[in-house]
Amino acid sequence: MFDILANLTFRKLFAAQVIALLGTGLTTVALALLAYDLAGAQAGQVLGLALAIKMTVYVLLSPVSGAVVPPEHRKKVLIGLDVVRALVVLALPFVTQIWQIYVLIAVMQSASACFTPLFQSVIPQILPEEAQYTRALSLSRLAYDLESLLSPALAAALLTVIAFQGLFVGTSVGFMLSALLVLLTTFPVVTRTASSGGPYDRALRGMKIYLRTPRLRGLLLLNLCAAAGGAMVFVNTVVLARTVLQGGERQVAWLLAAFGIGSMLVALFLPRLLDRIADRRIMLAASMAMTLVLMGASLYWYAVDARPSWPVIAVIWWLLGMAYAGLVTPGGRLIRRSGREEDLPFLFAAQFSLSHVCWLLAYPVAGFLGAKWGMGAALIMLTTIALLSAALARWLWSSHDPEQIEHTHEGLAEDHPHLARGQNTHTHRYVIDEDHTRWPQ
C-alpha cells in the first residue's frame, strides 16, 4: 500500500491531508467539550444541530466546487480555503454563546465543502492506474481515521497540560501547514473541456450521471448505512462518556479513538481484499455488520437498564469503526470507474454532496432523539435506518455489475465520442452519461 508514496506529488498531497485531518480531529474533540461546557447534558442536541449545519452547507456548496473552479486554478483555491479554515478555527476559543458555534461552523465547513471534492478530483489524475488508485483510497481512508484515532489520543495527552480551547490552535496550525504543502505541490496539467450552462447546470451533470448509475445508487444507500453508525459515535460520545459513564475529557477522546482503531484496522487490510473480492460483496457485508452492531448495541442498552460499562461501549465503538471503513473506503473506486475523466470532478462533488445528505438525516436523529428520549431511542432509530438502507442497496445494486463490456459502434453518428477513439468493436468501461441510459466508455 505504502509504495505509492514514492510518487512525489501524491506524497505531498497526502501529507497535507494527514496534517489537516490531525488538526480537524483536535477540533472534533474540542468542539464536543465546548458544547458540553455550554450546554451540559444537552450537548448532544447542540452537536447534532451544529453537524446538521455542516452537512447542509456541504450539500449546497460541494456540487458546484468542481464546476466553478477551473482545473488550472484548483491549487490556488485549495490554498485559500485552507487559510480561511485556519482563521475561522482560531475564533472558536472565544465563543461564549451557542449560536456563535453555529455561525463559525457554517463558515468553516463552507470552506471544507469546497475543499474536499477539489482535493479528491486531483488524485485519480495523479494515479491513473487502478491498482495504485485503490491503494491511494485506502491510504486516504487511513488519513481520515487519524481524525478519530491519533487526534483523540493526542487530544487526551494535551488535555493533561492545557485547556481544551488550546486544541483549536493545533487545528489552525494544521490547516496552515496543509496550505504550505499544497503550495509546494506540482498539480497535473488538465485540459479544460468546453461546457455550457452555469455552475449549477454543470454540477447537475454530475448528479444526473451519479443517480443514473446503478452501482452509485447502491453506494448512496450504503453511505446512509455508514452515517447511521457514525452519527451515533460523533454526536453522542461526549454525552455518553461525561454524563452516563461519569468520565472526564480524556475519556471522551479515548472512546473516539476506539472507533478509529477499528476503522484503521479494516482500511489496512482492505486493498488486498479488493484485489480478490468484488467491491459489492465487501460493502454489503460491511452494511450487514453495521446493522448487526447497532442492533446489538440497542439490545445491550436496554438489557443493562441504561447503565453500560466502559469496556463494552469501547468494543461497540471499535466494531462500528470496522464496519464504517468497509462501507466508505471502496466508494472512490466505484466513482472512478463510472465516468469519463472530464466528469470526475463533478462526480466526486456529487458523491460528496449526496453522501452528506445522509449525514444531514443521521445527525439530528442521533442528537435530538438522544437528548429527548434517550440513547436507546436513538439507537433503535439508527438501527432501522441502517437496516432499510442496506436492504435497498442490495436490491438496487445488481450483482451483475460489469466494469467493462464489449460492444460495437455501428449506427452511431460520425462525431460520436466513441467513434472518435478510432475503433468500432472493443471493450470500454461501463459508464453512464446524460445522452444514454448506460453506455461503455
Protein backbone atom coordinates (compact mmCIF):
# COMPACT_ATOMS: atom_id res chain seq x y z
CA MET A 1 0.00 0.00 0.00
CA PHE A 2 2.71 2.46 1.01
CA ASP A 3 4.73 2.08 -2.20
CA ILE A 4 2.55 4.72 -3.88
CA LEU A 5 4.16 7.28 -1.58
CA ALA A 6 7.10 7.07 -3.97
CA ASN A 7 5.04 9.38 -6.16
CA LEU A 8 6.26 12.81 -5.02
CA THR A 9 3.07 14.68 -5.97
CA PHE A 10 0.81 12.25 -4.16
CA ARG A 11 3.17 12.16 -1.16
CA LYS A 12 2.90 15.92 -0.68
CA LEU A 13 -0.86 15.97 -1.06
CA PHE A 14 -1.22 13.00 1.28
CA ALA A 15 0.95 14.74 3.87
CA ALA A 16 -1.23 17.84 3.55
CA GLN A 17 -4.32 15.72 4.09
CA VAL A 18 -2.85 13.98 7.15
CA ILE A 19 -1.77 17.24 8.80
CA ALA A 20 -5.10 18.97 8.14
CA LEU A 21 -7.05 15.99 9.43
CA LEU A 22 -4.97 15.77 12.59
CA GLY A 23 -5.94 19.35 13.27
CA THR A 24 -9.56 18.69 12.39
CA GLY A 25 -9.59 15.76 14.80
CA LEU A 26 -8.41 18.04 17.60
CA THR A 27 -11.31 20.37 16.79
CA THR A 28 -13.77 17.46 16.86
CA VAL A 29 -12.80 16.70 20.45
CA ALA A 30 -12.58 20.37 21.46
CA LEU A 31 -15.95 21.20 19.87
CA ALA A 32 -17.63 18.35 21.74
CA LEU A 33 -16.15 19.59 25.01
CA LEU A 34 -17.09 23.18 24.20
CA ALA A 35 -20.68 22.09 23.55
CA TYR A 36 -20.74 20.21 26.87
CA ASP A 37 -19.24 23.24 28.62
CA LEU A 38 -22.04 25.47 27.27
CA ALA A 39 -24.99 23.05 27.26
CA GLY A 40 -24.21 20.25 29.72
CA ALA A 41 -26.34 17.14 29.20
CA GLN A 42 -27.92 18.80 26.13
CA ALA A 43 -24.56 18.81 24.34
CA GLY A 44 -25.70 16.03 22.02
CA GLN A 45 -28.52 18.23 20.76
CA VAL A 46 -26.13 21.16 20.23
CA LEU A 47 -23.65 18.96 18.38
CA GLY A 48 -26.45 17.40 16.34
CA LEU A 49 -27.57 20.83 15.11
CA ALA A 50 -24.01 22.07 14.55
CA LEU A 51 -23.20 18.99 12.48
CA ALA A 52 -26.50 19.31 10.62
CA ILE A 53 -25.47 22.85 9.66
CA LYS A 54 -22.16 21.42 8.47
CA MET A 55 -23.96 18.87 6.30
CA THR A 56 -26.33 21.50 4.89
CA VAL A 57 -23.52 23.67 3.55
CA TYR A 58 -21.79 20.54 2.22
CA VAL A 59 -24.92 19.58 0.30
CA LEU A 60 -25.45 23.07 -1.11
CA LEU A 61 -21.87 24.08 -1.93
CA SER A 62 -19.88 20.95 -2.76
CA PRO A 63 -21.70 20.19 -6.06
CA VAL A 64 -20.60 23.50 -7.56
CA SER A 65 -16.98 23.42 -6.39
CA GLY A 66 -15.87 21.28 -9.32
CA ALA A 67 -18.00 23.26 -11.76
CA VAL A 68 -16.96 26.75 -10.63
CA VAL A 69 -13.21 26.20 -10.22
CA PRO A 70 -11.29 25.73 -13.50
CA PRO A 71 -8.65 22.95 -13.36
CA GLU A 72 -5.78 25.44 -13.68
CA HIS A 73 -6.95 27.33 -10.55
CA ARG A 74 -7.52 24.36 -8.24
CA LYS A 75 -4.18 24.82 -6.47
CA LYS A 76 -4.78 28.49 -5.60
CA VAL A 77 -8.31 27.80 -4.43
CA LEU A 78 -7.23 24.89 -2.20
CA ILE A 79 -4.60 27.08 -0.54
CA GLY A 80 -7.11 29.88 0.02
CA LEU A 81 -9.66 27.51 1.55
CA ASP A 82 -7.05 26.15 3.98
CA VAL A 83 -6.23 29.69 5.08
CA VAL A 84 -9.91 30.51 5.63
CA ARG A 85 -10.35 27.41 7.78
CA ALA A 86 -7.24 28.27 9.82
CA LEU A 87 -8.52 31.76 10.59
CA VAL A 88 -12.05 30.69 11.48
CA VAL A 89 -10.99 27.95 13.87
CA LEU A 90 -8.89 30.46 15.81
CA ALA A 91 -12.12 32.26 16.73
CA LEU A 92 -13.70 29.18 18.36
CA PRO A 93 -11.84 29.51 21.72
CA PHE A 94 -13.54 32.89 22.21
CA VAL A 95 -17.08 31.52 21.82
CA THR A 96 -19.39 32.24 24.76
CA GLN A 97 -22.82 31.59 23.20
CA ILE A 98 -24.19 28.51 21.47
CA TRP A 99 -25.33 30.49 18.41
CA GLN A 100 -21.73 31.56 17.83
CA ILE A 101 -20.76 27.91 17.42
CA TYR A 102 -23.37 27.55 14.69
CA VAL A 103 -22.14 30.62 12.77
CA LEU A 104 -18.46 29.68 12.88
CA ILE A 105 -19.17 26.06 11.96
CA ALA A 106 -21.18 27.26 8.94
CA VAL A 107 -18.28 29.42 7.70
CA MET A 108 -15.56 26.84 8.33
CA GLN A 109 -17.49 23.98 6.80
CA SER A 110 -18.38 26.07 3.76
CA ALA A 111 -14.66 26.16 3.04
CA SER A 112 -14.37 22.42 3.68
CA ALA A 113 -17.34 21.72 1.40
CA CYS A 114 -15.43 23.26 -1.49
CA PHE A 115 -12.01 21.89 -0.49
CA THR A 116 -12.69 18.16 -0.28
CA PRO A 117 -14.22 17.47 -3.74
CA LEU A 118 -11.49 19.52 -5.42
CA PHE A 119 -8.82 17.64 -3.49
CA GLN A 120 -10.38 14.25 -4.32
CA SER A 121 -10.67 15.04 -8.03
CA VAL A 122 -6.90 15.55 -8.32
CA ILE A 123 -5.92 12.09 -7.03
CA PRO A 124 -7.15 9.91 -9.95
CA GLN A 125 -5.28 12.22 -12.35
CA ILE A 126 -2.08 11.78 -10.35
CA LEU A 127 -2.54 8.00 -10.07
CA PRO A 128 -4.37 6.84 -13.22
CA GLU A 129 -3.68 3.11 -12.71
CA GLU A 130 -6.49 1.23 -10.93
CA ALA A 131 -4.19 -0.66 -8.52
CA GLN A 132 -2.36 2.49 -7.45
CA TYR A 133 -5.59 4.42 -7.09
CA THR A 134 -7.07 1.66 -4.91
CA ARG A 135 -4.12 1.91 -2.54
CA ALA A 136 -4.38 5.69 -2.54
CA LEU A 137 -8.01 5.36 -1.45
CA SER A 138 -7.03 3.12 1.43
CA LEU A 139 -4.26 5.49 2.48
CA SER A 140 -6.78 8.32 2.27
CA ARG A 141 -9.14 6.27 4.45
CA LEU A 142 -6.30 5.82 6.95
CA ALA A 143 -5.75 9.57 6.93
CA TYR A 144 -9.41 10.15 7.74
CA ASP A 145 -9.10 7.62 10.54
CA LEU A 146 -6.39 9.78 12.09
CA GLU A 147 -9.21 12.17 12.88
CA SER A 148 -10.85 9.50 15.04
CA LEU A 149 -7.73 7.70 16.31
CA LEU A 150 -4.49 9.67 16.62
CA SER A 151 -6.20 13.03 17.06
CA PRO A 152 -8.28 11.90 20.07
CA ALA A 153 -5.22 10.20 21.53
CA LEU A 154 -3.17 13.37 21.02
CA ALA A 155 -6.03 15.40 22.45
CA ALA A 156 -6.14 13.17 25.54
CA ALA A 157 -2.43 13.78 26.09
CA LEU A 158 -2.67 17.53 25.50
CA LEU A 159 -5.64 17.87 27.84
CA THR A 160 -3.40 16.89 30.75
CA VAL A 161 -1.44 20.12 30.35
CA ILE A 162 -3.74 22.60 28.53
CA ALA A 163 -7.41 23.58 28.50
CA PHE A 164 -9.50 22.21 25.64
CA GLN A 165 -9.59 25.66 23.99
CA GLY A 166 -5.91 25.22 23.17
CA LEU A 167 -6.79 22.34 20.84
CA PHE A 168 -8.28 24.84 18.39
CA VAL A 169 -4.82 26.36 17.96
CA GLY A 170 -3.49 22.97 16.88
CA THR A 171 -6.18 22.78 14.22
CA SER A 172 -5.25 26.21 12.86
CA VAL A 173 -1.59 25.22 12.62
CA GLY A 174 -2.59 22.05 10.79
CA PHE A 175 -4.55 23.98 8.16
CA MET A 176 -1.67 26.38 7.56
CA LEU A 177 0.82 23.53 7.13
CA SER A 178 -1.63 21.87 4.73
CA ALA A 179 -1.76 25.09 2.69
CA LEU A 180 2.05 25.21 2.57
CA LEU A 181 2.30 21.62 1.28
CA VAL A 182 -0.32 22.27 -1.39
CA LEU A 183 1.69 25.35 -2.42
CA LEU A 184 4.80 23.17 -2.85
CA THR A 185 2.95 20.53 -4.91
CA THR A 186 3.03 20.43 -8.71
CA PHE A 187 -0.51 19.78 -9.91
CA PRO A 188 -1.19 17.72 -13.08
CA VAL A 189 -1.96 19.66 -16.24
CA VAL A 190 -5.58 19.03 -17.22
CA THR A 191 -7.11 20.26 -20.44
CA ARG A 192 -10.31 22.15 -19.79
CA THR A 193 -13.22 20.78 -21.83
CA ALA A 194 -15.89 23.00 -23.29
CA SER A 195 -19.03 23.11 -21.17
CA SER A 196 -22.27 25.01 -21.36
CA GLY A 197 -24.57 26.41 -18.73
CA GLY A 198 -23.86 27.89 -15.33
CA PRO A 199 -22.12 26.27 -12.34
CA TYR A 200 -25.22 24.52 -11.09
CA ASP A 201 -26.01 23.25 -14.60
CA ARG A 202 -22.57 21.70 -14.82
CA ALA A 203 -22.84 20.41 -11.26
CA LEU A 204 -26.21 18.83 -12.03
CA ARG A 205 -24.49 16.86 -14.79
CA GLY A 206 -22.54 15.03 -12.12
CA MET A 207 -25.73 14.45 -10.12
CA LYS A 208 -27.52 13.04 -13.18
CA ILE A 209 -24.68 10.69 -14.02
CA TYR A 210 -24.45 9.60 -10.37
CA LEU A 211 -28.16 8.92 -9.90
CA ARG A 212 -28.48 7.07 -13.24
CA THR A 213 -25.68 4.65 -12.38
CA PRO A 214 -26.95 1.54 -10.51
CA ARG A 215 -23.73 0.94 -8.58
CA LEU A 216 -23.66 4.58 -7.43
CA ARG A 217 -27.28 4.47 -6.29
CA GLY A 218 -26.23 1.50 -4.20
CA LEU A 219 -23.23 3.48 -2.93
CA LEU A 220 -25.53 6.31 -1.84
CA LEU A 221 -27.66 3.96 0.24
CA LEU A 222 -24.57 2.40 1.78
CA ASN A 223 -23.41 5.91 2.70
CA LEU A 224 -26.67 6.26 4.63
CA CYS A 225 -25.94 2.99 6.44
CA ALA A 226 -22.46 4.28 7.34
CA ALA A 227 -23.90 7.59 8.53
CA ALA A 228 -26.30 5.76 10.87
CA GLY A 229 -23.40 4.23 12.79
CA GLY A 230 -21.05 7.20 12.51
CA ALA A 231 -23.64 9.69 13.76
CA MET A 232 -24.13 7.73 16.97
CA VAL A 233 -20.39 7.94 17.63
CA PHE A 234 -19.71 11.55 16.63
CA VAL A 235 -22.81 13.08 18.26
CA ASN A 236 -23.34 11.09 21.43
CA THR A 237 -19.85 10.07 22.58
CA VAL A 238 -19.37 13.19 24.70
CA VAL A 239 -22.73 12.79 26.48
CA LEU A 240 -22.23 9.06 26.94
CA ALA A 241 -18.71 9.49 28.34
CA ARG A 242 -19.32 12.53 30.54
CA THR A 243 -22.93 12.05 31.76
CA VAL A 244 -23.74 8.34 31.56
CA LEU A 245 -20.30 6.87 32.28
CA GLN A 246 -19.20 9.77 34.51
CA GLY A 247 -15.87 10.15 32.75
CA GLY A 248 -13.69 13.17 32.02
CA GLU A 249 -12.39 14.97 28.95
CA ARG A 250 -9.69 12.39 28.24
CA GLN A 251 -12.24 9.57 28.37
CA VAL A 252 -14.16 11.29 25.55
CA ALA A 253 -11.01 11.31 23.44
CA TRP A 254 -10.18 7.65 24.13
CA LEU A 255 -13.70 6.48 23.30
CA LEU A 256 -13.49 8.27 19.95
CA ALA A 257 -10.11 6.62 19.43
CA ALA A 258 -11.70 3.15 19.82
CA PHE A 259 -13.85 3.89 16.77
CA GLY A 260 -10.75 4.97 14.84
CA ILE A 261 -8.80 1.84 15.76
CA GLY A 262 -11.47 -0.39 14.27
CA SER A 263 -11.68 1.72 11.12
CA MET A 264 -7.93 1.76 10.64
CA LEU A 265 -7.56 -2.00 11.03
CA VAL A 266 -10.02 -2.61 8.19
CA ALA A 267 -8.51 0.09 5.98
CA LEU A 268 -5.07 -1.54 6.31
CA PHE A 269 -6.23 -4.92 5.01
CA LEU A 270 -8.86 -3.74 2.52
CA PRO A 271 -6.61 -3.21 -0.56
CA ARG A 272 -5.62 -6.89 -0.65
CA LEU A 273 -9.24 -7.95 -0.20
CA LEU A 274 -10.38 -5.66 -3.00
CA ASP A 275 -7.83 -7.31 -5.32
CA ARG A 276 -9.67 -10.61 -4.85
CA ILE A 277 -13.23 -9.81 -3.80
CA ALA A 278 -15.73 -7.58 -5.59
CA ASP A 279 -16.46 -4.18 -4.08
CA ARG A 280 -20.16 -5.03 -3.86
CA ARG A 281 -19.61 -8.11 -1.70
CA ILE A 282 -17.33 -6.29 0.73
CA MET A 283 -19.56 -3.24 1.06
CA LEU A 284 -22.77 -5.25 1.51
CA ALA A 285 -21.05 -7.40 4.14
CA ALA A 286 -19.97 -4.23 5.93
CA SER A 287 -23.55 -2.91 5.81
CA MET A 288 -24.78 -6.12 7.43
CA ALA A 289 -22.10 -5.79 10.11
CA MET A 290 -23.07 -2.16 10.78
CA THR A 291 -26.73 -3.13 11.17
CA LEU A 292 -25.98 -6.04 13.49
CA VAL A 293 -23.66 -3.97 15.72
CA LEU A 294 -26.24 -1.19 16.06
CA MET A 295 -28.93 -3.79 16.81
CA GLY A 296 -26.71 -5.42 19.42
CA ALA A 297 -25.97 -2.02 20.98
CA SER A 298 -29.72 -1.32 21.24
CA LEU A 299 -30.39 -4.65 22.95
CA TYR A 300 -27.44 -4.14 25.30
CA TRP A 301 -28.60 -0.65 26.27
CA TYR A 302 -31.99 -1.87 27.41
CA ALA A 303 -30.60 -5.07 28.96
CA VAL A 304 -28.35 -3.11 31.35
CA ASP A 305 -31.06 -0.52 32.05
CA ALA A 306 -29.04 2.37 30.56
CA ARG A 307 -26.04 1.66 32.81
CA PRO A 308 -23.40 0.41 30.35
CA SER A 309 -19.78 -0.39 31.14
CA TRP A 310 -16.72 1.27 29.62
CA PRO A 311 -15.23 -1.92 28.06
CA VAL A 312 -18.47 -2.91 26.33
CA ILE A 313 -19.04 0.57 24.87
CA ALA A 314 -15.42 0.70 23.70
CA VAL A 315 -15.85 -2.66 21.91
CA ILE A 316 -19.10 -1.48 20.29
CA TRP A 317 -17.39 1.71 19.08
CA TRP A 318 -14.48 -0.40 17.76
CA LEU A 319 -16.85 -2.66 15.79
CA LEU A 320 -18.74 0.33 14.42
CA GLY A 321 -15.41 1.72 13.17
CA MET A 322 -14.61 -1.53 11.38
CA ALA A 323 -17.97 -1.62 9.62
CA TYR A 324 -17.70 2.07 8.77
CA ALA A 325 -14.36 1.64 6.96
CA GLY A 326 -15.70 -1.30 4.96
CA LEU A 327 -18.61 0.84 3.80
CA VAL A 328 -16.85 4.04 2.79
CA THR A 329 -13.33 3.09 1.62
CA PRO A 330 -14.21 1.48 -1.76
CA GLY A 331 -16.52 4.35 -2.77
CA GLY A 332 -13.87 6.23 -4.74
CA ARG A 333 -13.21 3.16 -6.90
CA LEU A 334 -16.86 2.99 -7.89
CA ILE A 335 -16.95 6.66 -8.82
CA ARG A 336 -13.71 6.50 -10.80
CA ARG A 337 -14.93 3.64 -12.98
CA SER A 338 -18.36 5.22 -13.53
CA GLY A 339 -17.40 8.34 -15.51
CA ARG A 340 -15.06 9.89 -18.01
CA GLU A 341 -12.02 11.79 -16.79
CA GLU A 342 -13.55 15.18 -17.52
CA ASP A 343 -16.61 14.23 -15.45
CA LEU A 344 -14.67 13.09 -12.37
CA PRO A 345 -14.69 16.48 -10.57
CA PHE A 346 -18.48 16.62 -10.95
CA LEU A 347 -18.93 13.01 -9.87
CA PHE A 348 -16.76 13.41 -6.80
CA ALA A 349 -18.62 16.60 -5.93
CA ALA A 350 -21.94 14.76 -6.38
CA GLN A 351 -20.74 11.95 -4.11
CA PHE A 352 -19.56 14.44 -1.51
CA SER A 353 -22.87 16.32 -1.58
CA LEU A 354 -25.25 13.34 -1.73
CA SER A 355 -23.38 11.37 0.92
CA HIS A 356 -23.71 14.32 3.26
CA VAL A 357 -27.46 14.35 2.73
CA CYS A 358 -27.25 11.02 4.55
CA TRP A 359 -25.37 12.64 7.43
CA LEU A 360 -27.85 15.51 7.42
CA LEU A 361 -30.53 12.93 8.22
CA ALA A 362 -28.50 10.87 10.69
CA TYR A 363 -27.01 13.65 12.83
CA PRO A 364 -30.31 15.16 14.04
CA VAL A 365 -31.72 11.68 14.67
CA ALA A 366 -28.74 10.83 16.88
CA GLY A 367 -28.68 14.23 18.62
CA PHE A 368 -32.32 15.14 19.15
CA LEU A 369 -33.66 11.66 19.85
CA GLY A 370 -30.76 11.02 22.21
CA ALA A 371 -31.40 14.27 24.09
CA LYS A 372 -35.19 13.98 24.26
CA TRP A 373 -35.93 10.25 24.56
CA GLY A 374 -32.56 8.78 25.48
CA MET A 375 -29.75 6.83 23.83
CA GLY A 376 -31.91 3.73 23.47
CA ALA A 377 -34.43 5.51 21.25
CA ALA A 378 -31.63 6.97 19.13
CA LEU A 379 -30.04 3.53 18.73
CA ILE A 380 -33.31 1.92 17.66
CA MET A 381 -33.98 4.58 15.01
CA LEU A 382 -30.41 4.45 13.69
CA THR A 383 -30.60 0.65 13.54
CA THR A 384 -33.78 0.93 11.47
CA ILE A 385 -32.13 3.38 9.08
CA ALA A 386 -29.10 1.11 8.66
CA LEU A 387 -31.26 -1.96 8.06
CA LEU A 388 -33.50 -0.33 5.45
CA SER A 389 -30.63 1.32 3.58
CA ALA A 390 -28.60 -1.91 3.49
CA ALA A 391 -31.59 -3.88 2.17
CA LEU A 392 -32.37 -1.28 -0.52
CA ALA A 393 -28.71 -1.14 -1.58
CA ARG A 394 -28.64 -4.90 -2.09
CA TRP A 395 -31.80 -4.66 -4.22
CA LEU A 396 -30.80 -1.64 -6.37
CA TRP A 397 -27.16 -2.60 -6.94
CA SER A 398 -27.34 -5.67 -9.14
CA SER A 399 -24.85 -8.45 -8.58
CA HIS A 400 -24.28 -8.33 -12.36
CA ASP A 401 -22.28 -5.10 -12.46
CA PRO A 402 -19.54 -5.39 -15.11
CA GLU A 403 -16.69 -2.93 -15.03
CA GLN A 404 -16.14 -3.46 -18.78
CA ILE A 405 -18.32 -4.77 -21.61
CA GLU A 406 -17.60 -5.47 -25.27
CA HIS A 407 -19.75 -3.59 -27.79
CA THR A 408 -19.87 -2.17 -31.32
CA HIS A 409 -20.24 1.39 -32.55
CA GLU A 410 -22.42 0.59 -35.57
CA GLY A 411 -25.20 3.05 -36.22
CA LEU A 412 -23.67 5.93 -34.28
CA ALA A 413 -23.12 9.38 -35.74
CA GLU A 414 -19.66 10.10 -37.13
CA ASP A 415 -18.96 12.70 -34.47
CA HIS A 416 -19.98 10.42 -31.57
CA PRO A 417 -17.25 10.32 -28.87
CA HIS A 418 -16.97 6.53 -29.16
CA LEU A 419 -16.05 6.67 -32.85
CA ALA A 420 -13.53 9.40 -32.19
CA ARG A 421 -11.44 6.79 -30.44
CA GLY A 422 -10.75 5.09 -33.78
CA GLN A 423 -12.22 1.65 -33.09
CA ASN A 424 -15.56 0.10 -33.90
CA THR A 425 -15.70 -3.04 -31.75
CA HIS A 426 -13.82 -3.25 -28.48
CA THR A 427 -14.13 -3.13 -24.70
CA HIS A 428 -14.85 0.06 -22.78
CA ARG A 429 -15.53 1.00 -19.21
CA TYR A 430 -19.17 0.73 -18.21
CA VAL A 431 -20.40 4.27 -17.50
CA ILE A 432 -23.47 6.49 -17.68
CA ASP A 433 -23.99 9.87 -19.28
CA GLU A 434 -26.83 12.25 -19.97
CA ASP A 435 -27.42 11.02 -23.54
CA HIS A 436 -27.54 7.27 -22.81
CA THR A 437 -29.24 5.32 -20.09
CA ARG A 438 -25.93 3.46 -19.87
CA TRP A 439 -23.01 3.09 -22.23
CA PRO A 440 -19.43 1.86 -22.21
CA GLN A 441 -16.72 4.50 -22.34
